[in-house]
Amino acid sequence: MKDLDIVVYGATGFTGRLCVEYLAARRRDLKWAIAGRNGDKLAEVKQTTGANVEIIIAEADNVAALEALAGRAKVVLSTAGPFHRYGSHLVAACVRQATHYVDITGENFWVKGLIEKHHAEAARKGVRIIPSCGFDSIPSDLGSFFAIQKTGQPIKRVESFHSYKGDASGGTLETIFSMPDLNLGDDLTDPFLLNPADTATPEMEKQSGDIFAIAAKSEINGYGAPFIMAGANTRVVRRSAALWAQNQKPYGPDFVYQEFAFHPTRWRAFKGLIGMAAMGMVLFTPLRKLVRPLLKQPGQGPSEAERNAGWFDCKFILETQSGDIMVSAIRGDGDPGYKVTSKLVSECALCLLEDGDALPGGSTYGGVLTSASGLGMALVERLSQVGIEFDAPRMA
């Protein structure tokens, strides 16, 4: 008996608490719960947020407790990362219990495992498992999808350019610093890691390698340089393109997607490139053991004033099959890693709960999906009503 609309799992973490605050303020009529491993901390979250919620105790490795949780929920929203440590049993329970699921992971290697283990069963059951519903990777994924849909013609190539004000969360940093210990091998460099088999053409493979260079872009009056989250976001967008193609609505033949950081000057772009190189040196050498304790830890984050002062802006350059060049954008206020992420994933959960008839593929469509393939224009409409701005494409 699914008597709960939404369960927020990992509610005692910094981003989890923000999701609770957001949902409590946005929707008073929800029948929902917060969940995690520590009852005292959950009670404190309930008290300080004023949320009218039930408390559910469920350790990340307690399969029986997670099965019971998923059995009661229509949608599970998880912020408990790193997800390769704390998310696998929860997703498995959601698939078994036919419960929709969203999270904020940027761990593509983990999502690849979810696809291998659960996509077929979730598709058969019409269950939507949608990872990467925070700042990773909705601006890239949904922004591209929106722009492509609005052009109304086949698209040959999309490039995105990200700028923002805000810091990485403690949870995100924990994920990034844990990855070098996982021996991921080709999973780190495969541009089509999340694609279904045989959905990348030779031309797509030729043009989709990760880019570590600076490029002038007159269409947006700036420069592109390597972006730290491109390795995660590009794989998600390419999966979206492949899933839409499988549903007979392709973005375009031999569709190529690439992603960059945006900089207003060549000098700023060069500094960004050096910063990326320094980050790589820290992550993939013993230096990371010295640096990690100096940075934010899981559960830590900025003040409310700092969260409110943040923003993000993502510009897109689209090349149509006929050779036209167009530009579009998605933007919003708030620190991307906290305020924006909690808004995005909360609206994804509400979208699954309330907009079933408007979702891509109809009510029986499911699988391990993406925001673009699993929520589509229904999510665009939702986000447009809560301060996320989408600029329709125009000729460059």
Protein backbone atom coordinates (compact mmCIF):
# COMPACT_ATOMS: atom_id res chain seq x y z
CA MET A 1 0.00 0.00 0.00
CA LYS A 2 1.67 3.22 -1.17
CA ASP A 3 0.47 5.65 1.47
CA LEU A 4 3.34 8.17 1.14
CA ASP A 5 3.72 10.58 -1.77
CA ILE A 6 7.45 11.24 -1.33
CA VAL A 7 10.18 9.95 0.95
CA VAL A 8 13.32 12.12 1.25
CA TYR A 9 16.21 9.75 1.97
CA GLY A 10 19.35 11.30 3.44
CA ALA A 11 17.33 14.12 4.98
CA THR A 12 19.92 14.88 7.68
CA GLY A 13 22.60 15.84 5.15
CA PHE A 14 23.05 19.46 4.13
CA THR A 15 21.29 19.16 0.76
CA GLY A 16 18.73 16.72 2.15
CA ARG A 17 17.68 19.24 4.77
CA LEU A 18 17.32 21.91 2.07
CA CYS A 19 15.02 19.55 0.14
CA VAL A 20 12.89 19.11 3.25
CA GLU A 21 12.69 22.89 3.70
CA TYR A 22 11.80 23.36 0.03
CA LEU A 23 9.05 20.75 -0.04
CA ALA A 24 7.63 21.90 3.29
CA ALA A 25 7.36 25.47 1.99
CA ARG A 26 6.18 24.52 -1.51
CA ARG A 27 3.53 21.94 -0.74
CA ARG A 28 1.50 21.76 2.47
CA ASP A 29 -0.73 18.94 1.24
CA LEU A 30 1.93 16.26 0.75
CA LYS A 31 1.79 13.03 2.68
CA TRP A 32 5.49 12.38 3.02
CA ALA A 33 8.35 11.19 5.18
CA ILE A 34 12.02 11.82 5.85
CA ALA A 35 14.39 8.90 6.15
CA GLY A 36 17.94 8.06 7.14
CA ARG A 37 19.96 6.13 9.66
CA ASN A 38 19.85 8.46 12.70
CA GLY A 39 16.48 8.97 14.36
CA ASP A 40 17.66 11.79 16.62
CA LYS A 41 19.02 13.78 13.69
CA LEU A 42 15.86 13.16 11.68
CA ALA A 43 13.76 14.42 14.59
CA GLU A 44 15.91 17.54 14.73
CA VAL A 45 15.36 18.14 10.99
CA LYS A 46 11.62 17.74 11.44
CA GLN A 47 11.57 20.18 14.33
CA THR A 48 13.78 22.89 12.80
CA THR A 49 12.09 22.82 9.38
CA GLY A 50 8.56 22.56 10.74
CA ALA A 51 7.80 19.86 8.18
CA ASN A 52 4.71 17.74 8.79
CA VAL A 53 6.45 14.45 8.06
CA GLU A 54 6.78 10.92 9.29
CA ILE A 55 10.25 9.69 10.31
CA ILE A 56 11.57 6.41 8.88
CA ILE A 57 14.78 4.77 10.10
CA ALA A 58 16.57 2.88 7.33
CA GLU A 59 20.29 2.16 7.08
CA ALA A 60 21.71 2.17 3.56
CA ASP A 61 22.59 -1.53 3.83
CA ASN A 62 19.41 -2.67 5.58
CA VAL A 63 17.60 -4.27 2.67
CA ALA A 64 14.45 -5.12 4.63
CA ALA A 65 14.06 -1.55 5.91
CA LEU A 66 14.63 -0.12 2.44
CA GLU A 67 12.11 -2.54 0.94
CA ALA A 68 9.52 -1.40 3.48
CA LEU A 69 10.31 2.27 2.78
CA ALA A 70 10.05 1.84 -1.01
CA GLY A 71 6.91 -0.22 -0.63
CA ARG A 72 5.12 2.73 0.95
CA ALA A 73 6.44 5.52 -1.31
CA LYS A 74 5.23 6.68 -4.70
CA VAL A 75 8.51 8.57 -5.20
CA VAL A 76 11.85 8.33 -3.37
CA LEU A 77 14.15 11.36 -3.45
CA SER A 78 17.69 10.56 -2.32
CA THR A 79 20.50 12.94 -1.41
CA ALA A 80 22.59 10.35 0.45
CA GLY A 81 25.98 10.25 -1.26
CA PRO A 82 28.46 9.13 -2.27
CA PHE A 83 25.86 7.07 -4.03
CA HIS A 84 28.16 4.19 -4.87
CA ARG A 85 28.42 3.68 -1.09
CA TYR A 86 24.88 4.43 0.03
CA GLY A 87 22.54 4.21 -2.94
CA SER A 88 22.60 0.77 -4.55
CA HIS A 89 20.28 -1.13 -2.19
CA LEU A 90 17.81 1.76 -2.19
CA VAL A 91 17.52 1.84 -5.99
CA ALA A 92 17.13 -1.96 -6.09
CA ALA A 93 14.31 -1.71 -3.55
CA CYS A 94 12.59 1.01 -5.59
CA VAL A 95 12.68 -1.13 -8.74
CA ARG A 96 11.34 -4.18 -6.90
CA GLN A 97 8.58 -2.14 -5.29
CA ALA A 98 7.68 -0.21 -8.48
CA THR A 99 8.60 3.13 -6.91
CA HIS A 100 9.85 6.08 -8.93
CA TYR A 101 13.25 7.45 -7.85
CA VAL A 102 15.35 10.61 -8.25
CA ASP A 103 18.73 11.63 -6.84
CA ILE A 104 21.57 14.15 -7.24
CA THR A 105 24.49 11.87 -8.10
CA GLY A 106 27.25 12.78 -10.52
CA GLU A 107 28.75 9.28 -10.29
CA ASN A 108 28.34 8.00 -13.82
CA PHE A 109 30.20 4.77 -13.13
CA TRP A 110 27.55 3.97 -10.52
CA VAL A 111 24.72 4.92 -12.88
CA LYS A 112 26.24 2.58 -15.47
CA GLY A 113 25.83 -0.22 -12.93
CA LEU A 114 22.21 0.77 -12.32
CA ILE A 115 21.53 0.57 -16.04
CA GLU A 116 23.09 -2.88 -16.28
CA LYS A 117 21.23 -4.21 -13.23
CA HIS A 118 17.87 -2.48 -13.36
CA HIS A 119 17.02 -0.79 -16.67
CA ALA A 120 15.24 -3.76 -18.21
CA GLU A 121 13.12 -4.50 -15.14
CA ALA A 122 12.29 -0.85 -14.54
CA ALA A 123 11.29 -0.48 -18.20
CA ARG A 124 9.09 -3.55 -17.97
CA LYS A 125 7.36 -2.20 -14.86
CA GLY A 126 7.05 1.40 -16.07
CA VAL A 127 9.21 2.62 -13.17
CA ARG A 128 11.27 5.76 -13.73
CA ILE A 129 14.70 5.67 -12.07
CA ILE A 130 16.21 9.10 -12.76
CA PRO A 131 19.67 9.85 -11.32
CA SER A 132 21.58 13.13 -11.72
CA CYS A 133 18.68 15.50 -11.02
CA GLY A 134 20.68 18.28 -9.37
CA PHE A 135 23.08 20.84 -10.83
CA ASP A 136 24.64 17.67 -12.18
CA SER A 137 23.14 17.28 -14.73
CA ILE A 138 19.84 19.15 -15.27
CA PRO A 139 21.14 22.45 -16.71
CA SER A 140 23.14 20.51 -19.32
CA ASP A 141 20.55 17.83 -19.98
CA LEU A 142 17.26 19.70 -19.78
CA GLY A 143 18.74 22.89 -21.24
CA SER A 144 19.92 20.99 -24.31
CA PHE A 145 16.63 19.14 -24.63
CA PHE A 146 14.58 22.35 -24.37
CA ALA A 147 16.66 24.16 -26.98
CA ILE A 148 16.53 21.22 -29.40
CA GLN A 149 12.76 20.84 -29.03
CA LYS A 150 12.20 24.55 -29.62
CA THR A 151 14.23 24.63 -32.85
CA GLY A 152 11.85 22.09 -34.37
CA GLN A 153 14.51 20.75 -36.71
CA PRO A 154 17.30 18.14 -36.64
CA ILE A 155 20.36 19.25 -34.67
CA LYS A 156 23.88 18.30 -35.68
CA ARG A 157 25.78 19.61 -32.65
CA VAL A 158 25.23 21.30 -29.28
CA GLU A 159 27.93 22.95 -27.17
CA SER A 160 27.19 24.23 -23.66
CA PHE A 161 29.13 26.83 -21.66
CA HIS A 162 28.75 27.00 -17.88
CA SER A 163 29.37 29.84 -15.47
CA TYR A 164 28.25 30.04 -11.85
CA LYS A 165 28.87 31.46 -8.40
CA GLY A 166 28.99 28.91 -5.61
CA ASP A 167 31.06 26.17 -4.03
CA ALA A 168 31.00 22.42 -4.37
CA SER A 169 29.15 20.74 -1.51
CA GLY A 170 30.92 18.59 1.06
CA GLY A 171 29.13 15.57 -0.36
CA THR A 172 30.23 16.38 -3.91
CA LEU A 173 33.82 16.81 -2.75
CA GLU A 174 33.65 13.48 -0.94
CA THR A 175 32.50 11.83 -4.16
CA ILE A 176 35.22 13.49 -6.28
CA PHE A 177 38.00 12.61 -3.85
CA SER A 178 36.83 9.01 -3.49
CA MET A 179 36.84 8.25 -7.22
CA PRO A 180 40.61 7.81 -7.74
CA ASP A 181 40.53 4.90 -5.25
CA LEU A 182 37.94 2.98 -7.27
CA ASN A 183 40.12 1.86 -10.21
CA LEU A 184 37.49 2.91 -12.72
CA GLY A 185 39.72 2.49 -15.77
CA ASP A 186 37.90 3.16 -19.04
CA ASP A 187 34.74 4.23 -17.21
CA LEU A 188 36.36 7.62 -16.61
CA THR A 189 37.12 8.26 -20.27
CA ASP A 190 34.34 6.53 -22.23
CA PRO A 191 32.24 9.33 -23.82
CA PHE A 192 29.31 6.95 -24.27
CA LEU A 193 29.51 5.23 -20.89
CA LEU A 194 25.75 5.52 -20.28
CA ASN A 195 24.54 4.90 -23.83
CA PRO A 196 22.59 1.82 -24.80
CA ALA A 197 24.63 -0.56 -26.92
CA ASP A 198 25.24 0.36 -30.55
CA THR A 199 23.81 3.88 -30.34
CA ALA A 200 27.03 5.78 -31.13
CA THR A 201 28.00 6.07 -34.78
CA PRO A 202 31.65 6.29 -35.91
CA GLU A 203 31.16 10.01 -36.61
CA MET A 204 29.80 10.58 -33.09
CA GLU A 205 32.71 8.66 -31.57
CA LYS A 206 35.19 10.71 -33.60
CA GLN A 207 33.83 14.04 -32.33
CA SER A 208 32.83 13.23 -28.74
CA GLY A 209 36.12 12.88 -26.89
CA ASP A 210 36.66 15.03 -23.80
CA ILE A 211 38.16 18.43 -24.64
CA PHE A 212 40.99 20.06 -22.68
CA ALA A 213 41.57 23.22 -24.68
CA ILE A 214 40.53 26.87 -24.94
CA ALA A 215 38.30 28.04 -27.79
CA ALA A 216 37.01 31.49 -28.73
CA LYS A 217 33.22 31.56 -29.22
CA SER A 218 32.04 34.76 -30.87
CA GLU A 219 28.40 33.59 -30.77
CA ILE A 220 28.35 34.05 -26.98
CA ASN A 221 31.08 36.73 -26.68
CA GLY A 222 33.46 34.61 -24.67
CA TYR A 223 35.72 31.59 -24.44
CA GLY A 224 35.23 27.94 -23.67
CA ALA A 225 37.65 26.06 -21.41
CA PRO A 226 37.57 22.68 -19.64
CA PHE A 227 34.68 22.33 -17.18
CA ILE A 228 35.09 20.14 -14.11
CA MET A 229 31.67 18.48 -14.46
CA ALA A 230 31.76 17.96 -18.23
CA GLY A 231 32.87 14.36 -17.75
CA ALA A 232 29.64 13.66 -15.86
CA ASN A 233 27.19 15.89 -17.74
CA THR A 234 28.16 14.97 -21.30
CA ARG A 235 27.46 11.28 -20.66
CA VAL A 236 23.99 12.09 -19.35
CA VAL A 237 23.10 14.28 -22.35
CA ARG A 238 24.31 11.60 -24.76
CA ARG A 239 22.15 9.00 -23.00
CA SER A 240 19.17 11.34 -23.34
CA ALA A 241 19.80 11.68 -27.06
CA ALA A 242 20.04 7.90 -27.44
CA LEU A 243 16.85 7.23 -25.47
CA TRP A 244 14.89 9.83 -27.44
CA ALA A 245 16.20 8.26 -30.66
CA GLN A 246 14.96 4.86 -29.46
CA ASN A 247 11.56 6.49 -28.99
CA GLN A 248 11.62 7.70 -32.61
CA LYS A 249 12.28 11.32 -31.69
CA PRO A 250 16.02 11.73 -32.36
CA TYR A 251 17.86 14.98 -31.66
CA GLY A 252 19.49 14.60 -35.08
CA PRO A 253 21.62 12.12 -37.04
CA ASP A 254 25.18 11.76 -35.69
CA PHE A 255 24.25 14.14 -32.83
CA VAL A 256 27.31 15.50 -30.97
CA TYR A 257 27.31 17.17 -27.54
CA GLN A 258 30.28 18.90 -25.90
CA GLU A 259 30.57 20.99 -22.73
CA PHE A 260 32.83 23.77 -21.48
CA ALA A 261 33.27 26.34 -18.75
CA PHE A 262 32.42 29.86 -19.95
CA HIS A 263 34.94 32.68 -19.48
CA PRO A 264 34.58 36.29 -20.64
CA THR A 265 38.28 36.65 -21.59
CA ARG A 266 41.06 34.43 -22.88
CA TRP A 267 43.12 35.12 -19.74
CA ARG A 268 40.28 33.93 -17.49
CA ALA A 269 39.93 30.84 -19.64
CA PHE A 270 43.66 30.17 -19.32
CA LYS A 271 43.46 30.49 -15.52
CA GLY A 272 40.55 28.06 -15.56
CA LEU A 273 42.61 25.59 -17.57
CA ILE A 274 45.49 25.84 -15.07
CA GLY A 275 43.04 25.36 -12.21
CA MET A 276 41.72 22.17 -13.81
CA ALA A 277 45.27 20.87 -14.23
CA ALA A 278 46.01 21.60 -10.57
CA MET A 279 42.83 19.80 -9.52
CA GLY A 280 43.87 16.77 -11.54
CA MET A 281 47.31 16.78 -9.93
CA VAL A 282 45.72 16.82 -6.47
CA LEU A 283 43.14 14.13 -7.22
CA PHE A 284 45.40 11.60 -8.89
CA THR A 285 48.44 11.86 -6.65
CA PRO A 286 48.97 11.29 -2.90
CA LEU A 287 48.34 15.02 -2.45
CA ARG A 288 44.61 14.29 -2.20
CA LYS A 289 45.14 12.65 1.21
CA LEU A 290 46.62 15.91 2.47
CA VAL A 291 44.14 18.26 0.82
CA ARG A 292 40.87 16.45 1.52
CA PRO A 293 40.74 17.13 5.30
CA LEU A 294 41.10 20.87 4.61
CA LEU A 295 37.92 21.06 2.53
CA LYS A 296 34.21 20.82 3.35
CA GLN A 297 33.05 17.47 4.70
CA PRO A 298 29.71 15.76 3.99
CA GLY A 299 26.94 17.66 5.74
CA GLN A 300 28.79 20.97 5.66
CA GLY A 301 27.75 23.89 3.52
CA PRO A 302 27.49 27.68 3.18
CA SER A 303 25.31 30.11 5.10
CA GLU A 304 21.86 31.06 3.88
CA ALA A 305 23.21 34.43 2.72
CA GLU A 306 25.92 32.71 0.70
CA ARG A 307 23.41 30.29 -0.81
CA ASN A 308 21.15 33.16 -1.82
CA ALA A 309 24.04 35.10 -3.39
CA GLY A 310 24.88 32.31 -5.84
CA TRP A 311 23.72 31.83 -9.41
CA PHE A 312 24.26 29.75 -12.53
CA ASP A 313 24.09 30.44 -16.23
CA CYS A 314 24.47 27.90 -19.03
CA LYS A 315 24.67 29.07 -22.64
CA PHE A 316 24.16 26.78 -25.64
CA ILE A 317 25.35 27.00 -29.23
CA LEU A 318 23.34 24.78 -31.56
CA GLU A 319 24.22 23.85 -35.11
CA THR A 320 21.26 22.62 -37.12
CA GLN A 321 21.50 19.94 -39.77
CA SER A 322 21.00 22.66 -42.38
CA GLY A 323 23.94 24.68 -41.04
CA ASP A 324 22.18 27.42 -39.06
CA ILE A 325 23.83 28.51 -35.80
CA MET A 326 21.54 29.31 -32.87
CA VAL A 327 22.04 30.22 -29.21
CA SER A 328 19.92 29.62 -26.12
CA ALA A 329 20.36 29.55 -22.34
CA ILE A 330 19.15 28.33 -18.97
CA ARG A 331 19.84 30.26 -15.74
CA GLY A 332 18.75 30.64 -12.15
CA ASP A 333 19.55 32.31 -8.84
CA GLY A 334 21.02 30.52 -5.83
CA ASP A 335 24.13 28.53 -5.07
CA PRO A 336 24.13 25.72 -7.67
CA GLY A 337 25.41 22.98 -5.37
CA TYR A 338 22.86 23.64 -2.63
CA LYS A 339 19.91 25.96 -3.25
CA VAL A 340 19.54 25.20 -6.96
CA THR A 341 20.20 21.48 -6.58
CA SER A 342 17.61 21.09 -3.80
CA LYS A 343 15.04 22.97 -5.90
CA LEU A 344 15.78 20.93 -9.04
CA VAL A 345 15.59 17.49 -7.45
CA SER A 346 12.52 18.39 -5.38
CA GLU A 347 10.68 19.56 -8.49
CA CYS A 348 11.70 16.34 -10.25
CA ALA A 349 10.08 14.35 -7.45
CA LEU A 350 6.93 16.46 -7.64
CA CYS A 351 6.90 16.07 -11.41
CA LEU A 352 6.93 12.27 -11.09
CA LEU A 353 4.23 12.45 -8.46
CA GLU A 354 1.82 14.82 -10.18
CA ASP A 355 2.54 15.02 -13.91
CA GLY A 356 2.36 11.37 -14.94
CA ASP A 357 0.09 11.95 -17.93
CA ALA A 358 2.42 14.62 -19.36
CA LEU A 359 5.69 12.69 -19.04
CA PRO A 360 7.63 11.43 -22.09
CA GLY A 361 6.66 7.97 -23.29
CA GLY A 362 3.32 7.84 -21.52
CA SER A 363 2.36 6.23 -18.23
CA THR A 364 3.93 2.84 -19.00
CA TYR A 365 7.39 4.14 -19.97
CA GLY A 366 10.22 3.39 -17.57
CA GLY A 367 13.85 2.44 -17.08
CA VAL A 368 17.01 4.07 -15.80
CA LEU A 369 16.36 7.41 -17.48
CA THR A 370 17.52 11.04 -17.48
CA SER A 371 15.74 14.29 -16.71
CA ALA A 372 15.28 14.96 -20.44
CA SER A 373 14.08 11.47 -21.37
CA GLY A 374 12.07 10.78 -18.21
CA LEU A 375 10.57 14.18 -17.38
CA GLY A 376 11.02 16.35 -20.48
CA MET A 377 8.87 19.40 -21.09
CA ALA A 378 6.74 18.71 -18.01
CA LEU A 379 9.82 19.49 -15.91
CA VAL A 380 10.69 22.54 -18.04
CA GLU A 381 7.23 23.95 -17.30
CA ARG A 382 7.60 23.24 -13.57
CA LEU A 383 11.03 24.83 -13.30
CA SER A 384 9.91 27.86 -15.30
CA GLN A 385 7.37 28.55 -12.56
CA VAL A 386 9.96 28.51 -9.74
CA GLY A 387 12.62 30.85 -11.04
CA ILE A 388 14.58 28.79 -13.57
CA GLU A 389 14.67 30.73 -16.84
CA PHE A 390 14.84 29.09 -20.26
CA ASP A 391 15.74 31.21 -23.29
CA ALA A 392 14.37 29.84 -26.55
CA PRO A 393 16.91 29.49 -29.37
CA ARG A 394 17.60 32.48 -31.62
CA MET A 395 19.85 32.92 -34.59
CA ALA A 396 23.43 33.77 -33.62
